Amino acid sequence: MTLLSFFLTLWVVEDGVLALVTAVIGRPSHRELTVTGVQSGKQCAHFEVREVLFLADRALCAPREDLDRAEAGDQLTVFGRGSPFGLNVERYELRSGAGR
């Protein structure tokens, strides 16, 4: 149990440190993501995307009206400060997938 607590604490601290480093040294950046669905998480309702294997619940939080119009295959462009450690998402644009 102690080992699990250690790794959980390390993961939480590391996530915060990497976000802080990205905020300080990051440059304006963007990424194209593909929506696979939406989910109501513990912290907020958010987009689920194909290109990122793991995101904290808060990473892609969105208003309910945006989530309601999102469908699998839609393109989500996220903008923010990026570094080799990640991207701090500041805003996003949602575009319908091809053929709609």
PDB file of N, CA and C in Angstrom:
ATOM      1  N   MET A   1       0.822  -1.198   0.000  1.00  0.00           N
ATOM      2  CA  MET A   1       0.000   0.000   0.000  1.00  0.00           C
ATOM      3  C   MET A   1       0.869   1.267   0.000  1.00  0.00           C
ATOM      4  N   THR A   2       1.976   1.215   0.734  1.00  0.00           N
ATOM      5  CA  THR A   2       2.877   2.362   0.791  1.00  0.00           C
ATOM      6  C   THR A   2       3.477   2.646  -0.584  1.00  0.00           C
ATOM      7  N   LEU A   3       3.821   1.594  -1.300  1.00  0.00           N
ATOM      8  CA  LEU A   3       4.392   1.759  -2.635  1.00  0.00           C
ATOM      9  C   LEU A   3       3.370   2.388  -3.582  1.00  0.00           C
ATOM     10  N   LEU A   4       2.124   1.965  -3.484  1.00  0.00           N
ATOM     11  CA  LEU A   4       1.064   2.550  -4.307  1.00  0.00           C
ATOM     12  C   LEU A   4       0.895   4.030  -3.977  1.00  0.00           C
ATOM     13  N   SER A   5       0.905   4.383  -2.706  1.00  0.00           N
ATOM     14  CA  SER A   5       0.789   5.787  -2.293  1.00  0.00           C
ATOM     15  C   SER A   5       1.946   6.608  -2.831  1.00  0.00           C
ATOM     16  N   PHE A   6       3.140   6.049  -2.803  1.00  0.00           N
ATOM     17  CA  PHE A   6       4.314   6.745  -3.323  1.00  0.00           C
ATOM     18  C   PHE A   6       4.155   7.056  -4.812  1.00  0.00           C
ATOM     19  N   PHE A   7       3.780   6.042  -5.599  1.00  0.00           N
ATOM     20  CA  PHE A   7       3.645   6.250  -7.038  1.00  0.00           C
ATOM     21  C   PHE A   7       2.492   7.183  -7.372  1.00  0.00           C
ATOM     22  N   LEU A   8       1.427   7.124  -6.626  1.00  0.00           N
ATOM     23  CA  LEU A   8       0.303   8.034  -6.840  1.00  0.00           C
ATOM     24  C   LEU A   8       0.724   9.474  -6.557  1.00  0.00           C
ATOM     25  N   THR A   9       1.431   9.685  -5.473  1.00  0.00           N
ATOM     26  CA  THR A   9       1.937  11.025  -5.132  1.00  0.00           C
ATOM     27  C   THR A   9       2.923  11.510  -6.188  1.00  0.00           C
ATOM     28  N   LEU A  10       3.816  10.651  -6.630  1.00  0.00           N
ATOM     29  CA  LEU A  10       4.783  11.012  -7.666  1.00  0.00           C
ATOM     30  C   LEU A  10       4.070  11.413  -8.949  1.00  0.00           C
ATOM     31  N   TRP A  11       3.055  10.660  -9.345  1.00  0.00           N
ATOM     32  CA  TRP A  11       2.306  10.951 -10.575  1.00  0.00           C
ATOM     33  C   TRP A  11       1.626  12.319 -10.489  1.00  0.00           C
ATOM     34  N   VAL A  12       1.001  12.622  -9.359  1.00  0.00           N
ATOM     35  CA  VAL A  12       0.313  13.907  -9.190  1.00  0.00           C
ATOM     36  C   VAL A  12       1.313  15.063  -9.214  1.00  0.00           C
ATOM     37  N   VAL A  13       2.423  14.926  -8.506  1.00  0.00           N
ATOM     38  CA  VAL A  13       3.435  15.982  -8.459  1.00  0.00           C
ATOM     39  C   VAL A  13       4.072  16.162  -9.831  1.00  0.00           C
ATOM     40  N   GLU A  14       4.404  15.056 -10.493  1.00  0.00           N
ATOM     41  CA  GLU A  14       5.033  15.135 -11.809  1.00  0.00           C
ATOM     42  C   GLU A  14       4.108  15.837 -12.805  1.00  0.00           C
ATOM     43  N   ASP A  15       2.822  15.511 -12.785  1.00  0.00           N
ATOM     44  CA  ASP A  15       1.857  16.142 -13.687  1.00  0.00           C
ATOM     45  C   ASP A  15       1.852  17.658 -13.483  1.00  0.00           C
ATOM     46  N   GLY A  16       1.847  18.101 -12.262  1.00  0.00           N
ATOM     47  CA  GLY A  16       1.861  19.534 -11.967  1.00  0.00           C
ATOM     48  C   GLY A  16       3.160  20.200 -12.369  1.00  0.00           C
ATOM     49  N   VAL A  17       4.273  19.533 -12.126  1.00  0.00           N
ATOM     50  CA  VAL A  17       5.587  20.089 -12.468  1.00  0.00           C
ATOM     51  C   VAL A  17       5.723  20.211 -13.988  1.00  0.00           C
ATOM     52  N   LEU A  18       5.320  19.181 -14.727  1.00  0.00           N
ATOM     53  CA  LEU A  18       5.428  19.234 -16.187  1.00  0.00           C
ATOM     54  C   LEU A  18       4.520  20.320 -16.767  1.00  0.00           C
ATOM     55  N   ALA A  19       3.337  20.503 -16.206  1.00  0.00           N
ATOM     56  CA  ALA A  19       2.446  21.573 -16.665  1.00  0.00           C
ATOM     57  C   ALA A  19       3.072  22.940 -16.382  1.00  0.00           C
ATOM     58  N   LEU A  20       3.698  23.086 -15.235  1.00  0.00           N
ATOM     59  CA  LEU A  20       4.357  24.348 -14.891  1.00  0.00           C
ATOM     60  C   LEU A  20       5.536  24.619 -15.817  1.00  0.00           C
ATOM     61  N   VAL A  21       6.345  23.607 -16.085  1.00  0.00           N
ATOM     62  CA  VAL A  21       7.480  23.773 -16.991  1.00  0.00           C
ATOM     63  C   VAL A  21       6.983  24.168 -18.377  1.00  0.00           C
ATOM     64  N   THR A  22       5.922  23.518 -18.852  1.00  0.00           N
ATOM     65  CA  THR A  22       5.365  23.846 -20.160  1.00  0.00           C
ATOM     66  C   THR A  22       4.839  25.274 -20.184  1.00  0.00           C
ATOM     67  N   ALA A  23       4.218  25.714 -19.107  1.00  0.00           N
ATOM     68  CA  ALA A  23       3.714  27.083 -19.041  1.00  0.00           C
ATOM     69  C   ALA A  23       4.851  28.097 -19.115  1.00  0.00           C
ATOM     70  N   VAL A  24       5.993  27.756 -18.535  1.00  0.00           N
ATOM     71  CA  VAL A  24       7.120  28.690 -18.489  1.00  0.00           C
ATOM     72  C   VAL A  24       7.933  28.675 -19.795  1.00  0.00           C
ATOM     73  N   ILE A  25       8.288  27.495 -20.291  1.00  0.00           N
ATOM     74  CA  ILE A  25       9.178  27.430 -21.453  1.00  0.00           C
ATOM     75  C   ILE A  25       8.444  27.152 -22.762  1.00  0.00           C
ATOM     76  N   GLY A  26       7.158  26.865 -22.689  1.00  0.00           N
ATOM     77  CA  GLY A  26       6.415  26.490 -23.889  1.00  0.00           C
ATOM     78  C   GLY A  26       6.258  27.636 -24.875  1.00  0.00           C
ATOM     79  N   ARG A  27       6.027  27.261 -26.119  1.00  0.00           N
ATOM     80  CA  ARG A  27       5.782  28.223 -27.198  1.00  0.00           C
ATOM     81  C   ARG A  27       4.375  27.997 -27.719  1.00  0.00           C
ATOM     82  N   PRO A  28       3.787  29.021 -28.327  1.00  0.00           N
ATOM     83  CA  PRO A  28       2.450  28.824 -28.903  1.00  0.00           C
ATOM     84  C   PRO A  28       2.449  27.612 -29.839  1.00  0.00           C
ATOM     85  N   SER A  29       1.461  26.761 -29.671  1.00  0.00           N
ATOM     86  CA  SER A  29       1.415  25.528 -30.431  1.00  0.00           C
ATOM     87  C   SER A  29      -0.036  25.086 -30.619  1.00  0.00           C
ATOM     88  N   HIS A  30      -0.235  24.087 -31.453  1.00  0.00           N
ATOM     89  CA  HIS A  30      -1.563  23.497 -31.614  1.00  0.00           C
ATOM     90  C   HIS A  30      -1.419  22.038 -32.015  1.00  0.00           C
ATOM     91  N   ARG A  31      -2.483  21.263 -31.805  1.00  0.00           N
ATOM     92  CA  ARG A  31      -2.517  19.855 -32.207  1.00  0.00           C
ATOM     93  C   ARG A  31      -3.883  19.533 -32.772  1.00  0.00           C
ATOM     94  N   GLU A  32      -3.882  18.685 -33.786  1.00  0.00           N
ATOM     95  CA  GLU A  32      -5.124  18.198 -34.388  1.00  0.00           C
ATOM     96  C   GLU A  32      -5.473  16.858 -33.750  1.00  0.00           C
ATOM     97  N   LEU A  33      -6.664  16.745 -33.219  1.00  0.00           N
ATOM     98  CA  LEU A  33      -7.126  15.526 -32.574  1.00  0.00           C
ATOM     99  C   LEU A  33      -8.436  15.073 -33.207  1.00  0.00           C
ATOM    100  N   THR A  34      -8.754  13.801 -33.091  1.00  0.00           N
ATOM    101  CA  THR A  34      -9.998  13.256 -33.602  1.00  0.00           C
ATOM    102  C   THR A  34     -10.879  12.843 -32.436  1.00  0.00           C
ATOM    103  N   VAL A  35     -12.085  13.369 -32.383  1.00  0.00           N
ATOM    104  CA  VAL A  35     -13.014  13.044 -31.307  1.00  0.00           C
ATOM    105  C   VAL A  35     -13.505  11.609 -31.464  1.00  0.00           C
ATOM    106  N   THR A  36     -13.459  10.847 -30.371  1.00  0.00           N
ATOM    107  CA  THR A  36     -14.007   9.489 -30.377  1.00  0.00           C
ATOM    108  C   THR A  36     -15.285   9.411 -29.550  1.00  0.00           C
ATOM    109  N   GLY A  37     -15.531  10.435 -28.742  1.00  0.00           N
ATOM    110  CA  GLY A  37     -16.733  10.459 -27.917  1.00  0.00           C
ATOM    111  C   GLY A  37     -16.645  11.554 -26.875  1.00  0.00           C
ATOM    112  N   VAL A  38     -17.615  11.568 -26.009  1.00  0.00           N
ATOM    113  CA  VAL A  38     -17.615  12.500 -24.880  1.00  0.00           C
ATOM    114  C   VAL A  38     -17.902  11.697 -23.621  1.00  0.00           C
ATOM    115  N   GLN A  39     -17.488  12.243 -22.490  1.00  0.00           N
ATOM    116  CA  GLN A  39     -17.684  11.538 -21.231  1.00  0.00           C
ATOM    117  C   GLN A  39     -17.901  12.538 -20.112  1.00  0.00           C
ATOM    118  N   SER A  40     -18.750  12.192 -19.188  1.00  0.00           N
ATOM    119  CA  SER A  40     -18.934  12.996 -17.984  1.00  0.00           C
ATOM    120  C   SER A  40     -17.980  12.457 -16.934  1.00  0.00           C
ATOM    121  N   GLY A  41     -16.932  13.208 -16.646  1.00  0.00           N
ATOM    122  CA  GLY A  41     -15.933  12.776 -15.685  1.00  0.00           C
ATOM    123  C   GLY A  41     -16.237  13.281 -14.289  1.00  0.00           C
ATOM    124  N   LYS A  42     -15.340  12.975 -13.375  1.00  0.00           N
ATOM    125  CA  LYS A  42     -15.510  13.408 -11.984  1.00  0.00           C
ATOM    126  C   LYS A  42     -15.384  14.921 -11.855  1.00  0.00           C
ATOM    127  N   GLN A  43     -14.461  15.511 -12.641  1.00  0.00           N
ATOM    128  CA  GLN A  43     -14.231  16.951 -12.536  1.00  0.00           C
ATOM    129  C   GLN A  43     -15.045  17.749 -13.536  1.00  0.00           C
ATOM    130  N   CYS A  44     -15.279  17.187 -14.724  1.00  0.00           N
ATOM    131  CA  CYS A  44     -16.023  17.909 -15.750  1.00  0.00           C
ATOM    132  C   CYS A  44     -16.378  16.960 -16.890  1.00  0.00           C
ATOM    133  N   ALA A  45     -17.316  17.396 -17.711  1.00  0.00           N
ATOM    134  CA  ALA A  45     -17.606  16.669 -18.944  1.00  0.00           C
ATOM    135  C   ALA A  45     -16.532  17.051 -19.959  1.00  0.00           C
ATOM    136  N   HIS A  46     -16.070  16.075 -20.750  1.00  0.00           N
ATOM    137  CA  HIS A  46     -14.947  16.355 -21.626  1.00  0.00           C
ATOM    138  C   HIS A  46     -14.986  15.513 -22.899  1.00  0.00           C
ATOM    139  N   PHE A  47     -14.201  15.953 -23.891  1.00  0.00           N
ATOM    140  CA  PHE A  47     -14.014  15.209 -25.126  1.00  0.00           C
ATOM    141  C   PHE A  47     -13.098  14.015 -24.861  1.00  0.00           C
ATOM    142  N   GLU A  48     -13.349  12.909 -25.553  1.00  0.00           N
ATOM    143  CA  GLU A  48     -12.395  11.810 -25.617  1.00  0.00           C
ATOM    144  C   GLU A  48     -11.797  11.854 -27.014  1.00  0.00           C
ATOM    145  N   VAL A  49     -10.488  11.649 -27.116  1.00  0.00           N
ATOM    146  CA  VAL A  49      -9.813  11.761 -28.404  1.00  0.00           C
ATOM    147  C   VAL A  49      -8.956  10.536 -28.674  1.00  0.00           C
ATOM    148  N   ARG A  50      -8.695  10.288 -29.949  1.00  0.00           N
ATOM    149  CA  ARG A  50      -7.960   9.099 -30.382  1.00  0.00           C
ATOM    150  C   ARG A  50      -6.455   9.240 -30.163  1.00  0.00           C
ATOM    151  N   GLU A  51      -5.882  10.391 -30.430  1.00  0.00           N
ATOM    152  CA  GLU A  51      -4.431  10.537 -30.490  1.00  0.00           C
ATOM    153  C   GLU A  51      -3.722  10.587 -29.148  1.00  0.00           C
ATOM    154  N   VAL A  52      -4.441  10.753 -28.076  1.00  0.00           N
ATOM    155  CA  VAL A  52      -3.825  10.847 -26.757  1.00  0.00           C
ATOM    156  C   VAL A  52      -4.330   9.678 -25.925  1.00  0.00           C
ATOM    157  N   LEU A  53      -3.402   8.860 -25.441  1.00  0.00           N
ATOM    158  CA  LEU A  53      -3.808   7.670 -24.700  1.00  0.00           C
ATOM    159  C   LEU A  53      -4.339   8.000 -23.313  1.00  0.00           C
ATOM    160  N   PHE A  54      -3.769   9.018 -22.666  1.00  0.00           N
ATOM    161  CA  PHE A  54      -4.209   9.348 -21.316  1.00  0.00           C
ATOM    162  C   PHE A  54      -4.263  10.857 -21.136  1.00  0.00           C
ATOM    163  N   LEU A  55      -5.384  11.330 -20.665  1.00  0.00           N
ATOM    164  CA  LEU A  55      -5.543  12.733 -20.291  1.00  0.00           C
ATOM    165  C   LEU A  55      -6.254  12.790 -18.955  1.00  0.00           C
ATOM    166  N   ALA A  56      -5.855  13.711 -18.124  1.00  0.00           N
ATOM    167  CA  ALA A  56      -6.610  13.920 -16.900  1.00  0.00           C
ATOM    168  C   ALA A  56      -7.998  14.421 -17.287  1.00  0.00           C
ATOM    169  N   ASP A  57      -8.993  14.143 -16.463  1.00  0.00           N
ATOM    170  CA  ASP A  57     -10.369  14.551 -16.753  1.00  0.00           C
ATOM    171  C   ASP A  57     -10.467  16.010 -17.176  1.00  0.00           C
ATOM    172  N   ARG A  58      -9.717  16.863 -16.532  1.00  0.00           N
ATOM    173  CA  ARG A  58      -9.842  18.308 -16.762  1.00  0.00           C
ATOM    174  C   ARG A  58      -9.195  18.775 -18.059  1.00  0.00           C
ATOM    175  N   ALA A  59      -8.440  17.911 -18.736  1.00  0.00           N
ATOM    176  CA  ALA A  59      -7.635  18.333 -19.875  1.00  0.00           C
ATOM    177  C   ALA A  59      -8.453  18.902 -21.027  1.00  0.00           C
ATOM    178  N   LEU A  60      -9.597  18.313 -21.336  1.00  0.00           N
ATOM    179  CA  LEU A  60     -10.393  18.771 -22.467  1.00  0.00           C
ATOM    180  C   LEU A  60     -11.831  19.051 -22.043  1.00  0.00           C
ATOM    181  N   CYS A  61     -12.000  19.687 -20.904  1.00  0.00           N
ATOM    182  CA  CYS A  61     -13.330  20.069 -20.426  1.00  0.00           C
ATOM    183  C   CYS A  61     -13.991  20.996 -21.444  1.00  0.00           C
ATOM    184  N   ALA A  62     -15.301  20.876 -21.567  1.00  0.00           N
ATOM    185  CA  ALA A  62     -16.012  21.702 -22.548  1.00  0.00           C
ATOM    186  C   ALA A  62     -17.442  21.942 -22.076  1.00  0.00           C
ATOM    187  N   PRO A  63     -18.045  23.038 -22.543  1.00  0.00           N
ATOM    188  CA  PRO A  63     -19.444  23.297 -22.217  1.00  0.00           C
ATOM    189  C   PRO A  63     -20.345  22.206 -22.812  1.00  0.00           C
ATOM    190  N   ARG A  64     -21.445  21.940 -22.161  1.00  0.00           N
ATOM    191  CA  ARG A  64     -22.369  20.894 -22.582  1.00  0.00           C
ATOM    192  C   ARG A  64     -22.825  21.080 -24.029  1.00  0.00           C
ATOM    193  N   GLU A  65     -23.072  22.341 -24.486  1.00  0.00           N
ATOM    194  CA  GLU A  65     -23.536  22.555 -25.861  1.00  0.00           C
ATOM    195  C   GLU A  65     -22.502  22.099 -26.899  1.00  0.00           C
ATOM    196  N   ASP A  66     -21.202  22.266 -26.605  1.00  0.00           N
ATOM    197  CA  ASP A  66     -20.165  21.771 -27.518  1.00  0.00           C
ATOM    198  C   ASP A  66     -20.114  20.245 -27.505  1.00  0.00           C
ATOM    199  N   LEU A  67     -20.242  19.676 -26.329  1.00  0.00           N
ATOM    200  CA  LEU A  67     -20.215  18.222 -26.224  1.00  0.00           C
ATOM    201  C   LEU A  67     -21.418  17.597 -26.912  1.00  0.00           C
ATOM    202  N   ASP A  68     -22.578  18.259 -26.834  1.00  0.00           N
ATOM    203  CA  ASP A  68     -23.793  17.730 -27.448  1.00  0.00           C
ATOM    204  C   ASP A  68     -23.702  17.697 -28.974  1.00  0.00           C
ATOM    205  N   ARG A  69     -22.965  18.638 -29.566  1.00  0.00           N
ATOM    206  CA  ARG A  69     -22.866  18.659 -31.029  1.00  0.00           C
ATOM    207  C   ARG A  69     -21.667  17.877 -31.547  1.00  0.00           C
ATOM    208  N   ALA A  70     -20.810  17.391 -30.659  1.00  0.00           N
ATOM    209  CA  ALA A  70     -19.643  16.616 -31.083  1.00  0.00           C
ATOM    210  C   ALA A  70     -20.050  15.186 -31.406  1.00  0.00           C
ATOM    211  N   GLU A  71     -19.471  14.664 -32.486  1.00  0.00           N
ATOM    212  CA  GLU A  71     -19.696  13.277 -32.893  1.00  0.00           C
ATOM    213  C   GLU A  71     -18.353  12.622 -33.174  1.00  0.00           C
ATOM    214  N   ALA A  72     -18.329  11.312 -33.086  1.00  0.00           N
ATOM    215  CA  ALA A  72     -17.102  10.576 -33.403  1.00  0.00           C
ATOM    216  C   ALA A  72     -16.644  10.937 -34.813  1.00  0.00           C
ATOM    217  N   GLY A  73     -15.366  11.211 -34.945  1.00  0.00           N
ATOM    218  CA  GLY A  73     -14.798  11.588 -36.233  1.00  0.00           C
ATOM    219  C   GLY A  73     -14.621  13.079 -36.420  1.00  0.00           C
ATOM    220  N   ASP A  74     -15.246  13.900 -35.563  1.00  0.00           N
ATOM    221  CA  ASP A  74     -15.052  15.348 -35.653  1.00  0.00           C
ATOM    222  C   ASP A  74     -13.597  15.699 -35.342  1.00  0.00           C
ATOM    223  N   GLN A  75     -13.133  16.796 -35.926  1.00  0.00           N
ATOM    224  CA  GLN A  75     -11.769  17.260 -35.693  1.00  0.00           C
ATOM    225  C   GLN A  75     -11.764  18.296 -34.576  1.00  0.00           C
ATOM    226  N   LEU A  76     -10.868  18.113 -33.635  1.00  0.00           N
ATOM    227  CA  LEU A  76     -10.713  19.027 -32.510  1.00  0.00           C
ATOM    228  C   LEU A  76      -9.294  19.574 -32.568  1.00  0.00           C
ATOM    229  N   THR A  77      -9.165  20.872 -32.796  1.00  0.00           N
ATOM    230  CA  THR A  77      -7.852  21.514 -32.789  1.00  0.00           C
ATOM    231  C   THR A  77      -7.688  22.198 -31.447  1.00  0.00           C
ATOM    232  N   VAL A  78      -6.640  21.818 -30.713  1.00  0.00           N
ATOM    233  CA  VAL A  78      -6.377  22.425 -29.407  1.00  0.00           C
ATOM    234  C   VAL A  78      -5.185  23.363 -29.536  1.00  0.00           C
ATOM    235  N   PHE A  79      -5.290  24.506 -28.881  1.00  0.00           N
ATOM    236  CA  PHE A  79      -4.262  25.544 -28.923  1.00  0.00           C
ATOM    237  C   PHE A  79      -3.777  25.833 -27.511  1.00  0.00           C
ATOM    238  N   GLY A  80      -2.508  26.166 -27.386  1.00  0.00           N
ATOM    239  CA  GLY A  80      -1.955  26.532 -26.084  1.00  0.00           C
ATOM    240  C   GLY A  80      -0.452  26.569 -26.154  1.00  0.00           C
ATOM    241  N   ARG A  81       0.168  26.571 -24.993  1.00  0.00           N
ATOM    242  CA  ARG A  81       1.627  26.569 -24.921  1.00  0.00           C
ATOM    243  C   ARG A  81       2.099  25.122 -24.932  1.00  0.00           C
ATOM    244  N   GLY A  82       3.024  24.827 -25.866  1.00  0.00           N
ATOM    245  CA  GLY A  82       3.534  23.470 -26.004  1.00  0.00           C
ATOM    246  C   GLY A  82       5.016  23.384 -25.734  1.00  0.00           C
ATOM    247  N   SER A  83       5.426  22.235 -25.223  1.00  0.00           N
ATOM    248  CA  SER A  83       6.835  21.943 -24.978  1.00  0.00           C
ATOM    249  C   SER A  83       7.023  20.444 -25.219  1.00  0.00           C
ATOM    250  N   PRO A  84       8.264  19.955 -25.123  1.00  0.00           N
ATOM    251  CA  PRO A  84       8.458  18.502 -25.248  1.00  0.00           C
ATOM    252  C   PRO A  84       7.713  17.710 -24.167  1.00  0.00           C
ATOM    253  N   PHE A  85       7.271  18.389 -23.124  1.00  0.00           N
ATOM    254  CA  PHE A  85       6.581  17.720 -22.019  1.00  0.00           C
ATOM    255  C   PHE A  85       5.073  17.683 -22.173  1.00  0.00           C
ATOM    256  N   GLY A  86       4.524  18.398 -23.155  1.00  0.00           N
ATOM    257  CA  GLY A  86       3.081  18.374 -23.356  1.00  0.00           C
ATOM    258  C   GLY A  86       2.546  19.693 -23.870  1.00  0.00           C
ATOM    259  N   LEU A  87       1.231  19.819 -23.814  1.00  0.00           N
ATOM    260  CA  LEU A  87       0.541  21.018 -24.289  1.00  0.00           C
ATOM    261  C   LEU A  87      -0.460  21.445 -23.235  1.00  0.00           C
ATOM    262  N   ASN A  88      -0.366  22.681 -22.790  1.00  0.00           N
ATOM    263  CA  ASN A  88      -1.351  23.247 -21.872  1.00  0.00           C
ATOM    264  C   ASN A  88      -2.469  23.834 -22.723  1.00  0.00           C
ATOM    265  N   VAL A  89      -3.600  23.159 -22.775  1.00  0.00           N
ATOM    266  CA  VAL A  89      -4.704  23.571 -23.648  1.00  0.00           C
ATOM    267  C   VAL A  89      -5.347  24.841 -23.090  1.00  0.00           C
ATOM    268  N   GLU A  90      -5.387  25.878 -23.930  1.00  0.00           N
ATOM    269  CA  GLU A  90      -6.002  27.154 -23.546  1.00  0.00           C
ATOM    270  C   GLU A  90      -7.334  27.371 -24.251  1.00  0.00           C
ATOM    271  N   ARG A  91      -7.453  26.850 -25.476  1.00  0.00           N
ATOM    272  CA  ARG A  91      -8.718  26.958 -26.213  1.00  0.00           C
ATOM    273  C   ARG A  91      -8.756  25.857 -27.256  1.00  0.00           C
ATOM    274  N   TYR A  92      -9.925  25.682 -27.854  1.00  0.00           N
ATOM    275  CA  TYR A  92     -10.075  24.653 -28.873  1.00  0.00           C
ATOM    276  C   TYR A  92     -11.068  25.108 -29.933  1.00  0.00           C
ATOM    277  N   GLU A  93     -11.007  24.452 -31.086  1.00  0.00           N
ATOM    278  CA  GLU A  93     -11.977  24.643 -32.163  1.00  0.00           C
ATOM    279  C   GLU A  93     -12.475  23.270 -32.565  1.00  0.00           C
ATOM    280  N   LEU A  94     -13.784  23.104 -32.663  1.00  0.00           N
ATOM    281  CA  LEU A  94     -14.400  21.847 -33.050  1.00  0.00           C
ATOM    282  C   LEU A  94     -14.959  21.981 -34.450  1.00  0.00           C
ATOM    283  N   ARG A  95     -14.557  21.062 -35.352  1.00  0.00           N
ATOM    284  CA  ARG A  95     -15.051  21.049 -36.724  1.00  0.00           C
ATOM    285  C   ARG A  95     -15.691  19.700 -37.012  1.00  0.00           C
ATOM    286  N   SER A  96     -16.801  19.744 -37.724  1.00  0.00           N
ATOM    287  CA  SER A  96     -17.472  18.496 -38.106  1.00  0.00           C
ATOM    288  C   SER A  96     -16.574  17.656 -38.981  1.00  0.00           C
ATOM    289  N   GLY A  97     -16.705  16.351 -38.854  1.00  0.00           N
ATOM    290  CA  GLY A  97     -15.936  15.426 -39.685  1.00  0.00           C
ATOM    291  C   GLY A  97     -16.355  15.545 -41.146  1.00  0.00           C
ATOM    292  N   ALA A  98     -15.567  14.957 -42.017  1.00  0.00           N
ATOM    293  CA  ALA A  98     -15.825  15.034 -43.464  1.00  0.00           C
ATOM    294  C   ALA A  98     -17.179  14.431 -43.800  1.00  0.00           C
ATOM    295  N   GLY A  99     -17.869  15.068 -44.737  1.00  0.00           N
ATOM    296  CA  GLY A  99     -19.121  14.534 -45.219  1.00  0.00           C
ATOM    297  C   GLY A  99     -20.355  15.001 -44.468  1.00  0.00           C
ATOM    298  N   ARG A 100     -20.182  15.900 -43.511  1.00  0.00           N
ATOM    299  CA  ARG A 100     -21.349  16.412 -42.781  1.00  0.00           C
ATOM    300  C   ARG A 100     -21.481  17.889 -42.959  1.00  0.00           C
TER     301      ARG A 100
END
